[in-house]
């Protein structure tokens, strides 16, 4: 995992770098493994300490999390919690998407009663049979 640190209106600190890298890498590795780019921006404005975290995974996942408080270390914890919530939602979405076609395919095979999926020829036959029946019912 690649970390990039930016400091705006403040001096760089190795303690902040190591703590944020340790906390955020633990959160990201738990959900996506050891892959991605993390950009962390530390900034101060008046009495607020702000952190903005940008995560880009190698699989195309892009997440942003930011937080502000009076203490920079508390802000790191806040951003880690936000990023963890976003990653868990992302993981649930990808799980639902990957399961959806499997469920639909099983339902088709159960309804059809055969192991093969219906083809376009089967569909054309069903449509022509249903149109003949409806036209017959209309004439009588």
N, C-alpha and C. Protein backbone atom coordinates (compact mmCIF):
# COMPACT_ATOMS: atom_id res chain seq x y z
N UNK A 1 0.85 -1.17 0.00
CA UNK A 1 0.00 0.00 0.00
C UNK A 1 0.90 1.23 0.00
N UNK A 2 0.52 2.21 -0.79
CA UNK A 2 1.31 3.42 -0.94
C UNK A 2 0.62 4.56 -0.19
N UNK A 3 1.37 5.22 0.68
CA UNK A 3 0.85 6.35 1.44
C UNK A 3 1.54 7.62 0.99
N UNK A 4 0.75 8.68 0.80
CA UNK A 4 1.28 10.00 0.49
C UNK A 4 0.73 10.97 1.53
N UNK A 5 1.60 11.76 2.13
CA UNK A 5 1.20 12.69 3.18
C UNK A 5 1.40 14.12 2.72
N UNK A 6 0.42 14.97 3.01
CA UNK A 6 0.49 16.39 2.68
C UNK A 6 0.17 17.18 3.94
N UNK A 7 0.93 18.23 4.18
CA UNK A 7 0.71 19.09 5.34
C UNK A 7 0.47 20.51 4.85
N UNK A 8 -0.68 21.08 5.23
CA UNK A 8 -1.01 22.45 4.86
C UNK A 8 -1.09 23.30 6.12
N UNK A 9 -0.35 24.41 6.11
CA UNK A 9 -0.33 25.36 7.21
C UNK A 9 0.11 24.73 8.52
N UNK A 10 0.99 23.75 8.44
CA UNK A 10 1.55 23.14 9.65
C UNK A 10 2.83 22.41 9.27
N UNK A 11 3.62 22.09 10.27
CA UNK A 11 4.88 21.39 10.06
C UNK A 11 4.61 19.89 10.00
N UNK A 12 5.42 19.20 9.22
CA UNK A 12 5.24 17.75 9.12
C UNK A 12 5.69 17.08 10.42
N UNK A 13 5.04 15.98 10.73
CA UNK A 13 5.32 15.28 11.97
C UNK A 13 5.40 13.78 11.67
N UNK A 14 6.50 13.16 12.07
CA UNK A 14 6.66 11.72 11.87
C UNK A 14 5.69 10.93 12.74
N UNK A 15 5.35 11.46 13.88
CA UNK A 15 4.39 10.77 14.76
C UNK A 15 3.01 10.69 14.10
N UNK A 16 2.57 11.80 13.48
CA UNK A 16 1.28 11.80 12.78
C UNK A 16 1.32 10.86 11.59
N UNK A 17 2.41 10.86 10.86
CA UNK A 17 2.54 9.99 9.70
C UNK A 17 2.45 8.52 10.10
N UNK A 18 3.22 8.13 11.10
CA UNK A 18 3.26 6.71 11.49
C UNK A 18 1.93 6.26 12.09
N UNK A 19 1.31 7.12 12.93
CA UNK A 19 0.03 6.75 13.54
C UNK A 19 -1.07 6.62 12.50
N UNK A 20 -1.16 7.58 11.61
CA UNK A 20 -2.21 7.53 10.60
C UNK A 20 -1.98 6.37 9.63
N UNK A 21 -0.74 6.11 9.27
CA UNK A 21 -0.44 4.99 8.39
C UNK A 21 -0.81 3.67 9.05
N UNK A 22 -0.49 3.52 10.32
CA UNK A 22 -0.79 2.27 11.03
C UNK A 22 -2.29 2.05 11.15
N UNK A 23 -3.03 3.10 11.57
CA UNK A 23 -4.48 2.95 11.78
C UNK A 23 -5.22 2.74 10.46
N UNK A 24 -4.91 3.53 9.46
CA UNK A 24 -5.64 3.41 8.20
C UNK A 24 -5.27 2.15 7.44
N UNK A 25 -4.03 1.72 7.52
CA UNK A 25 -3.66 0.48 6.83
C UNK A 25 -4.33 -0.72 7.48
N UNK A 26 -4.50 -0.71 8.80
CA UNK A 26 -5.22 -1.80 9.47
C UNK A 26 -6.66 -1.88 8.99
N UNK A 27 -7.31 -0.72 8.87
CA UNK A 27 -8.71 -0.68 8.43
C UNK A 27 -8.83 -1.14 6.99
N UNK A 28 -7.98 -0.64 6.12
CA UNK A 28 -8.08 -0.96 4.69
C UNK A 28 -7.71 -2.42 4.43
N UNK A 29 -6.68 -2.93 5.08
CA UNK A 29 -6.25 -4.31 4.87
C UNK A 29 -7.31 -5.30 5.33
N UNK A 30 -8.08 -4.93 6.32
CA UNK A 30 -9.13 -5.81 6.82
C UNK A 30 -10.20 -6.05 5.75
N UNK A 31 -10.47 -5.05 4.93
CA UNK A 31 -11.53 -5.18 3.93
C UNK A 31 -11.04 -5.48 2.52
N UNK A 32 -9.94 -4.87 2.10
CA UNK A 32 -9.52 -4.99 0.70
C UNK A 32 -8.15 -5.60 0.50
N UNK A 33 -7.46 -5.92 1.53
CA UNK A 33 -6.11 -6.45 1.36
C UNK A 33 -5.10 -5.32 1.25
N UNK A 34 -3.89 -5.70 0.89
CA UNK A 34 -2.79 -4.74 0.86
C UNK A 34 -2.61 -4.18 -0.54
N UNK A 35 -3.58 -3.38 -0.99
CA UNK A 35 -3.46 -2.80 -2.33
C UNK A 35 -4.15 -1.45 -2.35
N UNK A 36 -3.50 -0.47 -2.93
CA UNK A 36 -4.14 0.83 -3.09
C UNK A 36 -3.21 1.99 -2.80
N UNK A 37 -3.77 3.16 -3.04
CA UNK A 37 -3.07 4.42 -2.81
C UNK A 37 -3.88 5.22 -1.80
N UNK A 38 -3.20 5.73 -0.78
CA UNK A 38 -3.86 6.52 0.25
C UNK A 38 -3.17 7.88 0.31
N UNK A 39 -3.95 8.94 0.11
CA UNK A 39 -3.43 10.30 0.24
C UNK A 39 -4.07 10.92 1.48
N UNK A 40 -3.23 11.36 2.39
CA UNK A 40 -3.71 11.96 3.63
C UNK A 40 -3.23 13.40 3.69
N UNK A 41 -4.18 14.32 3.87
CA UNK A 41 -3.86 15.74 3.96
C UNK A 41 -4.17 16.21 5.37
N UNK A 42 -3.16 16.72 6.05
CA UNK A 42 -3.32 17.31 7.38
C UNK A 42 -3.34 18.82 7.21
N UNK A 43 -4.28 19.49 7.87
CA UNK A 43 -4.31 20.95 7.77
C UNK A 43 -4.86 21.53 9.07
N UNK A 44 -4.52 22.80 9.29
CA UNK A 44 -5.05 23.52 10.46
C UNK A 44 -5.68 24.82 9.98
N UNK A 45 -6.81 25.14 10.58
CA UNK A 45 -7.50 26.41 10.33
C UNK A 45 -8.03 26.90 11.67
N UNK A 46 -7.51 27.99 12.10
CA UNK A 46 -7.83 28.57 13.41
C UNK A 46 -7.61 27.52 14.49
N UNK A 47 -8.65 27.07 15.17
CA UNK A 47 -8.50 26.09 16.24
C UNK A 47 -8.85 24.68 15.79
N UNK A 48 -9.17 24.48 14.52
CA UNK A 48 -9.57 23.17 14.04
C UNK A 48 -8.41 22.44 13.37
N UNK A 49 -8.30 21.18 13.69
CA UNK A 49 -7.31 20.30 13.05
C UNK A 49 -8.10 19.41 12.09
N UNK A 50 -7.77 19.47 10.80
CA UNK A 50 -8.53 18.74 9.79
C UNK A 50 -7.66 17.69 9.12
N UNK A 51 -8.33 16.59 8.75
CA UNK A 51 -7.68 15.53 7.99
C UNK A 51 -8.61 15.14 6.86
N UNK A 52 -8.06 15.03 5.67
CA UNK A 52 -8.81 14.52 4.53
C UNK A 52 -8.06 13.31 4.01
N UNK A 53 -8.78 12.20 3.84
CA UNK A 53 -8.18 10.95 3.39
C UNK A 53 -8.83 10.55 2.06
N UNK A 54 -8.01 10.30 1.06
CA UNK A 54 -8.46 9.84 -0.25
C UNK A 54 -7.87 8.47 -0.47
N UNK A 55 -8.73 7.48 -0.73
CA UNK A 55 -8.27 6.11 -0.97
C UNK A 55 -8.68 5.69 -2.37
N UNK A 56 -7.71 5.17 -3.11
CA UNK A 56 -7.98 4.63 -4.44
C UNK A 56 -7.41 3.22 -4.48
N UNK A 57 -8.31 2.24 -4.61
CA UNK A 57 -7.90 0.85 -4.67
C UNK A 57 -7.49 0.47 -6.07
N UNK A 58 -6.73 -0.62 -6.19
CA UNK A 58 -6.27 -1.06 -7.50
C UNK A 58 -7.43 -1.63 -8.32
N UNK A 59 -8.55 -1.97 -7.66
CA UNK A 59 -9.70 -2.50 -8.38
C UNK A 59 -10.66 -1.39 -8.81
N UNK A 60 -10.31 -0.13 -8.61
CA UNK A 60 -11.15 0.98 -9.04
C UNK A 60 -11.95 1.62 -7.93
N UNK A 61 -11.86 1.14 -6.74
CA UNK A 61 -12.59 1.69 -5.61
C UNK A 61 -12.01 3.05 -5.22
N UNK A 62 -12.85 4.07 -5.11
CA UNK A 62 -12.42 5.39 -4.69
C UNK A 62 -13.28 5.81 -3.50
N UNK A 63 -12.65 6.11 -2.39
CA UNK A 63 -13.36 6.53 -1.18
C UNK A 63 -12.71 7.79 -0.61
N UNK A 64 -13.52 8.66 -0.03
CA UNK A 64 -13.05 9.88 0.62
C UNK A 64 -13.60 9.92 2.03
N UNK A 65 -12.77 10.34 2.96
CA UNK A 65 -13.22 10.53 4.33
C UNK A 65 -12.49 11.74 4.89
N UNK A 66 -13.20 12.56 5.63
CA UNK A 66 -12.57 13.72 6.25
C UNK A 66 -13.18 13.96 7.61
N UNK A 67 -12.42 14.63 8.44
CA UNK A 67 -12.89 14.94 9.78
C UNK A 67 -12.15 16.14 10.33
N UNK A 68 -12.76 16.74 11.34
CA UNK A 68 -12.16 17.91 11.98
C UNK A 68 -12.48 17.89 13.46
N UNK A 69 -11.51 18.27 14.25
CA UNK A 69 -11.70 18.43 15.69
C UNK A 69 -10.56 19.30 16.22
N UNK A 70 -10.53 19.49 17.52
CA UNK A 70 -9.47 20.31 18.12
C UNK A 70 -8.17 19.53 18.31
N UNK A 71 -8.25 18.20 18.30
CA UNK A 71 -7.08 17.36 18.52
C UNK A 71 -6.82 16.54 17.26
N UNK A 72 -5.61 16.57 16.74
CA UNK A 72 -5.28 15.87 15.50
C UNK A 72 -5.36 14.36 15.68
N UNK A 73 -4.99 13.85 16.84
CA UNK A 73 -5.02 12.41 17.07
C UNK A 73 -6.45 11.89 17.13
N UNK A 74 -7.35 12.68 17.70
CA UNK A 74 -8.77 12.30 17.72
C UNK A 74 -9.35 12.34 16.31
N UNK A 75 -8.86 13.26 15.50
CA UNK A 75 -9.33 13.36 14.11
C UNK A 75 -8.89 12.15 13.31
N UNK A 76 -7.71 11.62 13.58
CA UNK A 76 -7.26 10.40 12.91
C UNK A 76 -8.21 9.26 13.22
N UNK A 77 -8.60 9.12 14.47
CA UNK A 77 -9.56 8.07 14.85
C UNK A 77 -10.90 8.26 14.15
N UNK A 78 -11.36 9.51 14.08
CA UNK A 78 -12.62 9.81 13.42
C UNK A 78 -12.59 9.45 11.93
N UNK A 79 -11.53 9.79 11.26
CA UNK A 79 -11.39 9.48 9.83
C UNK A 79 -11.29 7.96 9.63
N UNK A 80 -10.60 7.27 10.52
CA UNK A 80 -10.48 5.81 10.41
C UNK A 80 -11.86 5.16 10.57
N UNK A 81 -12.68 5.66 11.48
CA UNK A 81 -14.03 5.12 11.66
C UNK A 81 -14.89 5.38 10.42
N UNK A 82 -14.80 6.57 9.86
CA UNK A 82 -15.58 6.89 8.65
C UNK A 82 -15.16 6.02 7.48
N UNK A 83 -13.86 5.84 7.32
CA UNK A 83 -13.36 5.01 6.23
C UNK A 83 -13.77 3.55 6.42
N UNK A 84 -13.77 3.08 7.65
CA UNK A 84 -14.19 1.71 7.93
C UNK A 84 -15.67 1.51 7.58
N UNK A 85 -16.51 2.49 7.91
CA UNK A 85 -17.94 2.40 7.59
C UNK A 85 -18.14 2.37 6.07
N UNK A 86 -17.41 3.21 5.34
CA UNK A 86 -17.54 3.23 3.89
C UNK A 86 -17.06 1.92 3.27
N UNK A 87 -15.96 1.38 3.79
CA UNK A 87 -15.44 0.13 3.26
C UNK A 87 -16.40 -1.03 3.53
N UNK A 88 -17.03 -1.06 4.69
CA UNK A 88 -17.99 -2.14 4.97
C UNK A 88 -19.21 -2.03 4.06
N UNK A 89 -19.69 -0.80 3.79
CA UNK A 89 -20.81 -0.64 2.85
C UNK A 89 -20.40 -1.07 1.46
N UNK A 90 -19.20 -0.71 1.05
CA UNK A 90 -18.70 -1.10 -0.27
C UNK A 90 -18.59 -2.62 -0.39
N UNK A 91 -18.12 -3.26 0.66
CA UNK A 91 -17.97 -4.72 0.64
C UNK A 91 -19.34 -5.40 0.54
N UNK A 92 -20.33 -4.88 1.26
CA UNK A 92 -21.68 -5.45 1.18
C UNK A 92 -22.28 -5.26 -0.21
N UNK A 93 -22.06 -4.11 -0.82
CA UNK A 93 -22.57 -3.87 -2.17
C UNK A 93 -21.96 -4.84 -3.17
N UNK A 94 -20.66 -5.04 -3.09
CA UNK A 94 -20.01 -5.94 -4.04
C UNK A 94 -20.45 -7.38 -3.81
N UNK A 95 -20.69 -7.76 -2.58
CA UNK A 95 -21.18 -9.11 -2.30
C UNK A 95 -22.57 -9.31 -2.88
N UNK A 96 -23.45 -8.32 -2.70
CA UNK A 96 -24.80 -8.42 -3.24
C UNK A 96 -24.77 -8.48 -4.76
N UNK A 97 -23.93 -7.69 -5.38
CA UNK A 97 -23.85 -7.69 -6.84
C UNK A 97 -23.31 -9.01 -7.37
N UNK A 98 -22.35 -9.60 -6.69
CA UNK A 98 -21.77 -10.84 -7.18
C UNK A 98 -22.73 -12.01 -6.98
N UNK A 99 -23.62 -11.96 -5.99
CA UNK A 99 -24.55 -13.04 -5.75
C UNK A 99 -25.79 -12.96 -6.64
N UNK A 100 -26.16 -11.79 -7.07
CA UNK A 100 -27.40 -11.59 -7.80
C UNK A 100 -27.54 -12.45 -9.05
N UNK A 101 -26.57 -12.51 -9.95
CA UNK A 101 -26.74 -13.36 -11.13
C UNK A 101 -26.87 -14.84 -10.79
N UNK A 102 -26.20 -15.29 -9.76
CA UNK A 102 -26.29 -16.70 -9.39
C UNK A 102 -27.70 -17.04 -8.93
N UNK A 103 -28.32 -16.19 -8.15
CA UNK A 103 -29.68 -16.43 -7.67
C UNK A 103 -30.66 -16.43 -8.84
N UNK A 104 -30.53 -15.49 -9.76
CA UNK A 104 -31.43 -15.44 -10.90
C UNK A 104 -31.26 -16.67 -11.78
N UNK A 105 -30.04 -17.12 -11.99
CA UNK A 105 -29.81 -18.31 -12.81
C UNK A 105 -30.42 -19.54 -12.18
N UNK A 106 -30.30 -19.69 -10.87
CA UNK A 106 -30.91 -20.83 -10.19
C UNK A 106 -32.42 -20.80 -10.33
N UNK A 107 -33.01 -19.62 -10.19
CA UNK A 107 -34.45 -19.50 -10.30
C UNK A 107 -34.91 -19.88 -11.70
N UNK A 108 -34.19 -19.51 -12.73
CA UNK A 108 -34.55 -19.87 -14.09
C UNK A 108 -34.49 -21.37 -14.30
N UNK A 109 -33.46 -22.01 -13.77
CA UNK A 109 -33.33 -23.44 -13.98
C UNK A 109 -34.40 -24.21 -13.22
N UNK A 110 -34.81 -23.72 -12.04
CA UNK A 110 -35.85 -24.39 -11.27
C UNK A 110 -37.19 -24.22 -11.96
N UNK A 111 -37.49 -23.03 -12.45
CA UNK A 111 -38.77 -22.77 -13.10
C UNK A 111 -38.86 -23.54 -14.41
N UNK A 112 -37.81 -23.54 -15.19
CA UNK A 112 -37.81 -24.22 -16.48
C UNK A 112 -37.82 -25.73 -16.35
N UNK A 113 -37.29 -26.24 -15.25
CA UNK A 113 -37.27 -27.66 -15.03
C UNK A 113 -36.16 -28.39 -15.76
N UNK A 114 -35.29 -27.69 -16.42
CA UNK A 114 -34.18 -28.33 -17.12
C UNK A 114 -32.88 -27.70 -16.65
N UNK A 115 -31.80 -28.40 -16.95
CA UNK A 115 -30.49 -27.89 -16.54
C UNK A 115 -29.97 -26.81 -17.47
N UNK A 116 -30.50 -26.71 -18.70
CA UNK A 116 -30.01 -25.71 -19.64
C UNK A 116 -30.89 -24.47 -19.57
N UNK A 117 -30.33 -23.35 -19.97
CA UNK A 117 -31.06 -22.10 -19.98
C UNK A 117 -31.86 -21.99 -21.27
N UNK A 118 -32.99 -21.29 -21.25
CA UNK A 118 -33.78 -21.13 -22.46
C UNK A 118 -33.02 -20.33 -23.51
N UNK A 119 -33.21 -20.69 -24.76
CA UNK A 119 -32.56 -19.99 -25.86
C UNK A 119 -33.55 -19.05 -26.52
N UNK A 120 -33.10 -18.29 -27.50
CA UNK A 120 -33.98 -17.38 -28.21
C UNK A 120 -35.04 -18.14 -29.01
N UNK A 121 -34.72 -19.35 -29.51
CA UNK A 121 -35.71 -20.15 -30.23
C UNK A 121 -36.86 -20.55 -29.32
N UNK A 122 -36.53 -20.94 -28.08
CA UNK A 122 -37.57 -21.28 -27.11
C UNK A 122 -38.46 -20.08 -26.85
N UNK A 123 -37.86 -18.92 -26.75
CA UNK A 123 -38.62 -17.70 -26.49
C UNK A 123 -39.56 -17.39 -27.65
N UNK A 124 -39.07 -17.54 -28.88
CA UNK A 124 -39.90 -17.28 -30.06
C UNK A 124 -41.08 -18.24 -30.12
N UNK A 125 -40.86 -19.52 -29.77
CA UNK A 125 -41.95 -20.50 -29.77
C UNK A 125 -43.00 -20.13 -28.73
N UNK A 126 -42.56 -19.71 -27.54
CA UNK A 126 -43.51 -19.34 -26.49
C UNK A 126 -44.32 -18.13 -26.91
N UNK A 127 -43.72 -17.17 -27.54
CA UNK A 127 -44.43 -15.96 -27.95
C UNK A 127 -45.44 -16.30 -29.04
N UNK A 128 -45.06 -17.13 -30.01
CA UNK A 128 -45.99 -17.47 -31.09
C UNK A 128 -47.16 -18.30 -30.57
N UNK A 129 -46.92 -19.22 -29.63
CA UNK A 129 -48.00 -20.01 -29.05
C UNK A 129 -48.96 -19.12 -28.26
N UNK A 130 -48.45 -18.18 -27.49
CA UNK A 130 -49.32 -17.33 -26.69
C UNK A 130 -50.12 -16.38 -27.57
N UNK A 131 -49.58 -15.92 -28.70
CA UNK A 131 -50.31 -15.03 -29.59
C UNK A 131 -51.43 -15.78 -30.31
N UNK A 132 -51.22 -17.08 -30.67
CA UNK A 132 -52.26 -17.85 -31.32
C UNK A 132 -53.42 -18.10 -30.37
N UNK A 133 -53.13 -18.39 -29.13
CA UNK A 133 -54.17 -18.65 -28.14
C UNK A 133 -54.98 -17.39 -27.90
N UNK A 134 -54.34 -16.26 -27.77
CA UNK A 134 -55.08 -15.03 -27.51
C UNK A 134 -55.93 -14.64 -28.70
N UNK A 135 -55.47 -14.84 -29.94
CA UNK A 135 -56.27 -14.50 -31.09
C UNK A 135 -57.45 -15.46 -31.23
N UNK A 136 -57.26 -16.71 -30.84
CA UNK A 136 -58.33 -17.69 -30.87
C UNK A 136 -59.42 -17.29 -29.87
N UNK A 137 -59.01 -16.87 -28.70
CA UNK A 137 -59.97 -16.49 -27.67
C UNK A 137 -60.73 -15.24 -28.07
N UNK A 138 -60.15 -14.36 -28.81
CA UNK A 138 -60.83 -13.15 -29.23
C UNK A 138 -61.88 -13.42 -30.29
N UNK A 139 -61.66 -14.42 -31.14
CA UNK A 139 -62.61 -14.71 -32.21
C UNK A 139 -63.87 -15.39 -31.68
N UNK A 140 -63.80 -16.18 -30.66
CA UNK A 140 -64.97 -16.89 -30.15
C UNK A 140 -65.65 -16.13 -29.10
